[in-house]
């Protein structure tokens, strides 16, 4: 398996991405308000025992923001549930480690993509990372 930690953090030499690279220093708008920041293209949440925050509360907030201002929506919201904390309605039965990806389309999030075991991750944010859910979970062991 390729060592991903040795990859550069800048876009130079990185595979093409569907999103433009915006340096963090230029992500702030002209005001000093915390709400003036441009949202990141993606958010990755790692679930703990407060799984309802990740599956319900935070997703509802991203949906609310995107429905008001499409340009403030998070392009992709990724939930990594390595210990199968989430409710059955979110990760299925039997409960098993799951990666769930919500993708913004216009002002709405598409139905989630759910990945387990040998399912290859299909992400618009990371289109050139050919990993399965199990390979991602194995990195934390």
N, C-alpha and C. Protein backbone atom coordinates (compact mmCIF):
# COMPACT_ATOMS: atom_id res chain seq x y z
N UNK A 1 0.83 -1.17 0.00
CA UNK A 1 0.00 0.00 0.00
C UNK A 1 0.88 1.24 0.00
N UNK A 2 0.46 2.27 -0.68
CA UNK A 2 1.21 3.51 -0.79
C UNK A 2 1.14 4.28 0.52
N UNK A 3 2.26 4.89 0.91
CA UNK A 3 2.31 5.70 2.12
C UNK A 3 1.76 7.08 1.79
N UNK A 4 0.54 7.36 2.26
CA UNK A 4 -0.11 8.64 1.95
C UNK A 4 0.44 9.78 2.78
N UNK A 5 1.07 9.48 3.92
CA UNK A 5 1.57 10.56 4.78
C UNK A 5 2.76 11.28 4.17
N UNK A 6 3.41 10.69 3.17
CA UNK A 6 4.56 11.35 2.57
C UNK A 6 4.18 12.24 1.40
N UNK A 7 2.90 12.31 1.09
CA UNK A 7 2.46 13.15 -0.02
C UNK A 7 2.48 14.62 0.39
N UNK A 8 2.79 15.52 -0.53
CA UNK A 8 2.81 16.94 -0.21
C UNK A 8 1.41 17.45 0.10
N UNK A 9 1.32 18.48 0.94
CA UNK A 9 0.05 19.07 1.27
C UNK A 9 -0.37 20.14 0.28
N UNK A 10 0.53 20.54 -0.59
CA UNK A 10 0.20 21.55 -1.59
C UNK A 10 -0.25 20.87 -2.87
N UNK A 11 -0.86 21.63 -3.79
CA UNK A 11 -1.38 21.02 -5.00
C UNK A 11 -0.30 20.69 -6.03
N UNK A 12 0.93 21.15 -5.84
CA UNK A 12 1.97 20.88 -6.82
C UNK A 12 2.20 19.38 -6.91
N UNK A 13 2.08 18.83 -8.09
CA UNK A 13 2.32 17.42 -8.30
C UNK A 13 1.20 16.52 -7.82
N UNK A 14 0.15 17.08 -7.24
CA UNK A 14 -0.98 16.27 -6.79
C UNK A 14 -1.87 15.94 -7.97
N UNK A 15 -2.62 14.83 -7.90
CA UNK A 15 -3.53 14.50 -8.98
C UNK A 15 -4.58 15.58 -9.14
N UNK A 16 -5.16 15.71 -10.33
CA UNK A 16 -6.18 16.74 -10.54
C UNK A 16 -7.36 16.53 -9.60
N UNK A 17 -7.92 17.61 -9.14
CA UNK A 17 -9.06 17.56 -8.24
C UNK A 17 -10.23 18.29 -8.89
N UNK A 18 -11.46 17.87 -8.57
CA UNK A 18 -12.61 18.59 -9.13
C UNK A 18 -12.82 19.94 -8.48
N UNK A 19 -12.05 20.23 -7.42
CA UNK A 19 -12.20 21.48 -6.70
C UNK A 19 -10.97 22.35 -6.87
N UNK A 20 -11.15 23.65 -6.97
CA UNK A 20 -9.98 24.51 -7.04
C UNK A 20 -9.26 24.56 -5.71
N UNK A 21 -7.94 24.63 -5.75
CA UNK A 21 -7.16 24.73 -4.52
C UNK A 21 -7.16 26.18 -4.08
N UNK A 22 -7.54 26.42 -2.84
CA UNK A 22 -7.55 27.77 -2.29
C UNK A 22 -6.69 27.76 -1.04
N UNK A 23 -5.57 28.47 -1.04
CA UNK A 23 -4.73 28.51 0.17
C UNK A 23 -5.54 29.00 1.36
N UNK A 24 -5.25 28.44 2.53
CA UNK A 24 -5.97 28.80 3.73
C UNK A 24 -5.90 30.30 3.99
N UNK A 25 -4.77 30.91 3.69
CA UNK A 25 -4.62 32.35 3.95
C UNK A 25 -5.59 33.20 3.15
N UNK A 26 -6.11 32.68 2.05
CA UNK A 26 -7.04 33.48 1.24
C UNK A 26 -8.48 33.03 1.41
N UNK A 27 -8.77 32.17 2.36
CA UNK A 27 -10.13 31.68 2.58
C UNK A 27 -10.98 32.65 3.37
N UNK A 28 -10.41 33.66 3.94
CA UNK A 28 -11.17 34.60 4.75
C UNK A 28 -11.71 35.72 3.87
N UNK A 29 -12.94 36.06 4.11
CA UNK A 29 -13.52 37.19 3.39
C UNK A 29 -13.05 38.49 4.05
N UNK A 30 -13.54 39.59 3.61
CA UNK A 30 -13.00 40.88 4.04
C UNK A 30 -13.42 41.33 5.43
N UNK A 31 -14.38 40.71 6.08
CA UNK A 31 -14.78 41.13 7.42
C UNK A 31 -14.05 40.31 8.47
N UNK A 32 -14.19 40.70 9.73
CA UNK A 32 -13.52 39.98 10.80
C UNK A 32 -14.45 38.96 11.47
N UNK A 33 -15.66 38.83 11.00
CA UNK A 33 -16.63 37.90 11.58
C UNK A 33 -16.22 36.46 11.30
N UNK A 34 -16.49 35.57 12.26
CA UNK A 34 -16.21 34.15 12.06
C UNK A 34 -17.04 33.60 10.91
N UNK A 35 -18.21 34.18 10.68
CA UNK A 35 -19.07 33.72 9.58
C UNK A 35 -18.55 34.15 8.22
N UNK A 36 -17.50 34.94 8.20
CA UNK A 36 -16.97 35.45 6.95
C UNK A 36 -16.03 34.47 6.26
N UNK A 37 -15.72 33.36 6.89
CA UNK A 37 -14.82 32.40 6.28
C UNK A 37 -15.53 31.59 5.21
N UNK A 38 -14.83 31.32 4.15
CA UNK A 38 -15.34 30.45 3.10
C UNK A 38 -15.30 29.03 3.64
N UNK A 39 -16.35 28.25 3.44
CA UNK A 39 -16.35 26.91 4.00
C UNK A 39 -15.31 26.02 3.31
N UNK A 40 -14.82 25.02 4.02
CA UNK A 40 -13.88 24.10 3.39
C UNK A 40 -14.63 23.26 2.35
N UNK A 41 -13.93 22.72 1.37
CA UNK A 41 -14.61 21.89 0.37
C UNK A 41 -15.16 20.60 0.97
N UNK A 42 -14.55 20.13 2.05
CA UNK A 42 -15.03 18.90 2.66
C UNK A 42 -14.77 18.88 4.15
N UNK A 43 -15.56 18.07 4.84
CA UNK A 43 -15.38 17.87 6.27
C UNK A 43 -15.39 16.37 6.51
N UNK A 44 -14.42 15.91 7.31
CA UNK A 44 -14.38 14.50 7.70
C UNK A 44 -14.60 14.44 9.20
N UNK A 45 -15.67 13.77 9.60
CA UNK A 45 -15.99 13.58 11.01
C UNK A 45 -15.66 12.15 11.38
N UNK A 46 -14.95 11.97 12.48
CA UNK A 46 -14.68 10.64 13.02
C UNK A 46 -15.63 10.46 14.20
N UNK A 47 -16.49 9.46 14.10
CA UNK A 47 -17.55 9.26 15.07
C UNK A 47 -17.02 8.70 16.39
N UNK A 48 -17.58 9.22 17.47
CA UNK A 48 -17.30 8.67 18.80
C UNK A 48 -18.65 8.32 19.41
N UNK A 49 -18.70 8.16 20.72
CA UNK A 49 -19.96 7.74 21.33
C UNK A 49 -21.06 8.80 21.24
N UNK A 50 -20.75 10.02 20.83
CA UNK A 50 -21.80 11.03 20.60
C UNK A 50 -22.18 11.06 19.12
N UNK A 51 -22.41 9.88 18.56
CA UNK A 51 -22.65 9.71 17.13
C UNK A 51 -23.82 10.52 16.60
N UNK A 52 -24.79 10.83 17.43
CA UNK A 52 -25.95 11.60 16.95
C UNK A 52 -25.53 12.99 16.48
N UNK A 53 -24.49 13.56 17.09
CA UNK A 53 -23.99 14.86 16.64
C UNK A 53 -23.54 14.79 15.19
N UNK A 54 -22.82 13.72 14.82
CA UNK A 54 -22.27 13.61 13.47
C UNK A 54 -23.33 13.24 12.44
N UNK A 55 -24.20 12.31 12.78
CA UNK A 55 -25.20 11.84 11.83
C UNK A 55 -26.43 12.74 11.74
N UNK A 56 -26.73 13.48 12.78
CA UNK A 56 -27.95 14.29 12.79
C UNK A 56 -27.68 15.78 12.90
N UNK A 57 -27.07 16.21 14.01
CA UNK A 57 -26.94 17.63 14.29
C UNK A 57 -26.07 18.36 13.28
N UNK A 58 -24.86 17.88 13.05
CA UNK A 58 -23.95 18.57 12.14
C UNK A 58 -24.44 18.50 10.70
N UNK A 59 -24.94 17.34 10.29
CA UNK A 59 -25.47 17.24 8.93
C UNK A 59 -26.64 18.20 8.74
N UNK A 60 -27.52 18.30 9.72
CA UNK A 60 -28.66 19.22 9.62
C UNK A 60 -28.17 20.66 9.48
N UNK A 61 -27.10 21.01 10.18
CA UNK A 61 -26.55 22.37 10.06
C UNK A 61 -25.98 22.61 8.66
N UNK A 62 -25.27 21.65 8.10
CA UNK A 62 -24.71 21.81 6.75
C UNK A 62 -25.83 21.93 5.73
N UNK A 63 -26.90 21.15 5.91
CA UNK A 63 -28.05 21.22 5.00
C UNK A 63 -28.71 22.59 5.11
N UNK A 64 -28.88 23.08 6.34
CA UNK A 64 -29.50 24.40 6.55
C UNK A 64 -28.70 25.50 5.88
N UNK A 65 -27.41 25.48 6.05
CA UNK A 65 -26.55 26.51 5.44
C UNK A 65 -26.61 26.41 3.92
N UNK A 66 -26.50 25.21 3.37
CA UNK A 66 -26.50 25.03 1.91
C UNK A 66 -27.84 25.45 1.31
N UNK A 67 -28.93 25.23 2.04
CA UNK A 67 -30.24 25.59 1.48
C UNK A 67 -30.44 27.11 1.45
N UNK A 68 -29.76 27.82 2.35
CA UNK A 68 -29.86 29.29 2.35
C UNK A 68 -28.90 29.92 1.36
N UNK A 69 -27.67 29.40 1.32
CA UNK A 69 -26.64 29.97 0.44
C UNK A 69 -25.83 28.81 -0.13
N UNK A 70 -26.14 28.45 -1.35
CA UNK A 70 -25.48 27.32 -1.99
C UNK A 70 -23.96 27.45 -1.97
N UNK A 71 -23.44 28.68 -2.11
CA UNK A 71 -22.00 28.88 -2.14
C UNK A 71 -21.34 28.67 -0.78
N UNK A 72 -22.13 28.55 0.29
CA UNK A 72 -21.57 28.30 1.62
C UNK A 72 -21.67 26.83 2.02
N UNK A 73 -22.22 26.01 1.16
CA UNK A 73 -22.36 24.60 1.48
C UNK A 73 -21.03 23.86 1.43
N UNK A 74 -20.92 22.83 2.24
CA UNK A 74 -19.75 21.97 2.24
C UNK A 74 -19.95 20.95 1.12
N UNK A 75 -19.01 20.91 0.19
CA UNK A 75 -19.10 20.07 -1.00
C UNK A 75 -19.29 18.60 -0.67
N UNK A 76 -18.55 18.12 0.34
CA UNK A 76 -18.65 16.71 0.72
C UNK A 76 -18.47 16.56 2.23
N UNK A 77 -19.39 15.84 2.84
CA UNK A 77 -19.36 15.58 4.28
C UNK A 77 -19.15 14.08 4.46
N UNK A 78 -18.01 13.71 5.06
CA UNK A 78 -17.63 12.31 5.20
C UNK A 78 -17.67 11.94 6.68
N UNK A 79 -18.40 10.87 6.99
CA UNK A 79 -18.51 10.39 8.36
C UNK A 79 -17.78 9.04 8.42
N UNK A 80 -16.75 8.97 9.25
CA UNK A 80 -15.98 7.74 9.43
C UNK A 80 -16.38 7.14 10.78
N UNK A 81 -17.10 6.04 10.72
CA UNK A 81 -17.60 5.38 11.92
C UNK A 81 -16.82 4.08 12.10
N UNK A 82 -15.59 4.19 12.62
CA UNK A 82 -14.65 3.08 12.72
C UNK A 82 -15.06 2.02 13.74
N UNK A 83 -15.88 2.38 14.73
CA UNK A 83 -16.28 1.44 15.78
C UNK A 83 -17.76 1.10 15.71
N UNK A 84 -18.42 1.46 14.63
CA UNK A 84 -19.85 1.17 14.44
C UNK A 84 -20.69 1.71 15.59
N UNK A 85 -20.43 2.97 15.98
CA UNK A 85 -21.20 3.62 17.03
C UNK A 85 -22.60 4.01 16.55
N UNK A 86 -22.73 4.37 15.27
CA UNK A 86 -23.96 4.94 14.74
C UNK A 86 -25.17 4.04 14.87
N UNK A 87 -26.32 4.65 14.77
CA UNK A 87 -27.57 3.90 14.84
C UNK A 87 -27.75 3.02 13.60
N UNK A 88 -28.54 1.98 13.75
CA UNK A 88 -28.77 1.03 12.66
C UNK A 88 -29.33 1.72 11.43
N UNK A 89 -30.16 2.73 11.61
CA UNK A 89 -30.73 3.40 10.43
C UNK A 89 -29.66 4.11 9.61
N UNK A 90 -28.49 4.39 10.21
CA UNK A 90 -27.41 5.05 9.48
C UNK A 90 -26.36 4.09 8.95
N UNK A 91 -26.02 3.05 9.72
CA UNK A 91 -24.94 2.16 9.29
C UNK A 91 -25.40 0.74 8.99
N UNK A 92 -26.69 0.47 9.15
CA UNK A 92 -27.21 -0.83 8.79
C UNK A 92 -27.07 -1.87 9.88
N UNK A 93 -27.59 -3.05 9.57
CA UNK A 93 -27.54 -4.17 10.50
C UNK A 93 -27.07 -5.41 9.75
N UNK A 94 -26.11 -6.12 10.26
CA UNK A 94 -25.45 -5.92 11.55
C UNK A 94 -24.56 -4.67 11.52
N UNK A 95 -24.40 -4.06 12.68
CA UNK A 95 -23.56 -2.87 12.76
C UNK A 95 -22.12 -3.25 12.50
N UNK A 96 -21.46 -2.47 11.63
CA UNK A 96 -20.06 -2.70 11.30
C UNK A 96 -19.42 -1.36 10.93
N UNK A 97 -18.09 -1.27 11.00
CA UNK A 97 -17.44 -0.01 10.63
C UNK A 97 -17.91 0.47 9.25
N UNK A 98 -18.20 1.75 9.17
CA UNK A 98 -18.84 2.30 7.97
C UNK A 98 -18.29 3.69 7.67
N UNK A 99 -18.17 3.99 6.38
CA UNK A 99 -17.86 5.34 5.93
C UNK A 99 -19.07 5.81 5.13
N UNK A 100 -19.61 6.95 5.52
CA UNK A 100 -20.78 7.51 4.86
C UNK A 100 -20.39 8.84 4.25
N UNK A 101 -20.77 9.04 2.98
CA UNK A 101 -20.41 10.29 2.28
C UNK A 101 -21.68 10.96 1.77
N UNK A 102 -21.85 12.21 2.18
CA UNK A 102 -22.93 13.06 1.68
C UNK A 102 -22.30 14.06 0.71
N UNK A 103 -22.88 14.21 -0.47
CA UNK A 103 -22.33 15.13 -1.47
C UNK A 103 -23.36 16.19 -1.82
N UNK A 104 -22.88 17.42 -1.87
CA UNK A 104 -23.74 18.56 -2.19
C UNK A 104 -23.96 18.64 -3.69
N UNK A 105 -25.21 18.75 -4.08
CA UNK A 105 -25.58 18.92 -5.49
C UNK A 105 -26.54 20.10 -5.54
N UNK A 106 -26.07 21.22 -6.07
CA UNK A 106 -26.88 22.44 -6.01
C UNK A 106 -26.99 22.88 -4.57
N UNK A 107 -28.21 23.00 -4.06
CA UNK A 107 -28.42 23.41 -2.67
C UNK A 107 -28.90 22.25 -1.81
N UNK A 108 -28.75 21.01 -2.30
CA UNK A 108 -29.22 19.84 -1.55
C UNK A 108 -28.14 18.77 -1.49
N UNK A 109 -28.19 18.00 -0.42
CA UNK A 109 -27.29 16.85 -0.32
C UNK A 109 -27.98 15.63 -0.93
N UNK A 110 -27.22 14.90 -1.74
CA UNK A 110 -27.73 13.67 -2.35
C UNK A 110 -27.90 12.62 -1.26
N UNK A 111 -28.68 11.56 -1.52
CA UNK A 111 -28.74 10.46 -0.55
C UNK A 111 -27.32 9.97 -0.28
N UNK A 112 -27.05 9.54 0.94
CA UNK A 112 -25.67 9.17 1.30
C UNK A 112 -25.18 7.92 0.57
N UNK A 113 -23.86 7.91 0.34
CA UNK A 113 -23.18 6.71 -0.15
C UNK A 113 -22.59 6.05 1.08
N UNK A 114 -22.81 4.75 1.23
CA UNK A 114 -22.36 4.02 2.41
C UNK A 114 -21.35 2.95 1.98
N UNK A 115 -20.20 2.92 2.65
CA UNK A 115 -19.12 2.01 2.29
C UNK A 115 -18.70 1.18 3.50
N UNK A 116 -18.57 -0.14 3.27
CA UNK A 116 -18.13 -1.07 4.31
C UNK A 116 -17.20 -2.09 3.69
N UNK A 117 -16.36 -2.70 4.52
CA UNK A 117 -15.53 -3.82 4.07
C UNK A 117 -14.72 -3.51 2.83
N UNK A 118 -14.92 -4.29 1.79
CA UNK A 118 -14.15 -4.16 0.55
C UNK A 118 -14.76 -3.17 -0.44
N UNK A 119 -15.76 -2.39 -0.03
CA UNK A 119 -16.32 -1.36 -0.91
C UNK A 119 -15.25 -0.31 -1.17
N UNK A 120 -15.02 0.01 -2.43
CA UNK A 120 -14.06 1.04 -2.81
C UNK A 120 -14.71 2.41 -2.57
N UNK A 121 -14.00 3.27 -1.89
CA UNK A 121 -14.52 4.60 -1.56
C UNK A 121 -14.68 5.41 -2.85
N UNK A 122 -15.86 5.99 -3.01
CA UNK A 122 -16.18 6.81 -4.18
C UNK A 122 -16.43 8.23 -3.68
N UNK A 123 -15.40 9.08 -3.81
CA UNK A 123 -15.47 10.44 -3.30
C UNK A 123 -15.12 11.42 -4.41
N UNK A 124 -15.94 12.46 -4.55
CA UNK A 124 -15.60 13.51 -5.51
C UNK A 124 -14.48 14.39 -4.97
N UNK A 125 -14.36 14.47 -3.67
CA UNK A 125 -13.32 15.27 -3.04
C UNK A 125 -11.95 14.61 -3.19
N UNK A 126 -11.91 13.28 -3.12
CA UNK A 126 -10.67 12.51 -3.24
C UNK A 126 -10.84 11.47 -4.36
N UNK A 127 -10.95 11.90 -5.60
CA UNK A 127 -11.28 10.96 -6.68
C UNK A 127 -10.16 9.98 -7.03
N UNK A 128 -8.94 10.26 -6.66
CA UNK A 128 -7.81 9.42 -7.07
C UNK A 128 -7.19 8.62 -5.93
N UNK A 129 -7.95 8.40 -4.88
CA UNK A 129 -7.46 7.58 -3.78
C UNK A 129 -8.19 6.24 -3.86
N UNK A 130 -7.52 5.22 -4.38
CA UNK A 130 -8.19 3.93 -4.61
C UNK A 130 -8.18 3.03 -3.38
N UNK A 131 -8.86 3.45 -2.32
CA UNK A 131 -8.87 2.67 -1.09
C UNK A 131 -10.26 2.10 -0.82
N UNK A 132 -10.28 0.98 -0.13
CA UNK A 132 -11.54 0.42 0.33
C UNK A 132 -11.79 0.89 1.76
N UNK A 133 -13.01 0.71 2.22
CA UNK A 133 -13.33 1.07 3.60
C UNK A 133 -12.42 0.31 4.56
N UNK A 134 -12.23 -0.99 4.32
CA UNK A 134 -11.40 -1.81 5.21
C UNK A 134 -9.96 -1.31 5.25
N UNK A 135 -9.41 -0.87 4.12
CA UNK A 135 -8.04 -0.35 4.11
C UNK A 135 -7.94 0.92 4.96
N UNK A 136 -8.93 1.75 4.92
CA UNK A 136 -8.92 2.97 5.73
C UNK A 136 -9.00 2.61 7.21
N UNK A 137 -9.88 1.68 7.57
CA UNK A 137 -9.99 1.29 8.97
C UNK A 137 -8.73 0.59 9.46
N UNK A 138 -8.07 -0.16 8.60
CA UNK A 138 -6.83 -0.88 8.98
C UNK A 138 -5.70 0.09 9.32
N UNK A 139 -5.73 1.30 8.78
CA UNK A 139 -4.68 2.28 9.07
C UNK A 139 -4.69 2.73 10.52
N UNK A 140 -5.81 2.56 11.21
CA UNK A 140 -5.89 3.01 12.59
C UNK A 140 -5.58 1.90 13.60
N UNK A 141 -5.33 0.72 13.10
CA UNK A 141 -5.04 -0.40 14.01
C UNK A 141 -3.58 -0.50 14.32
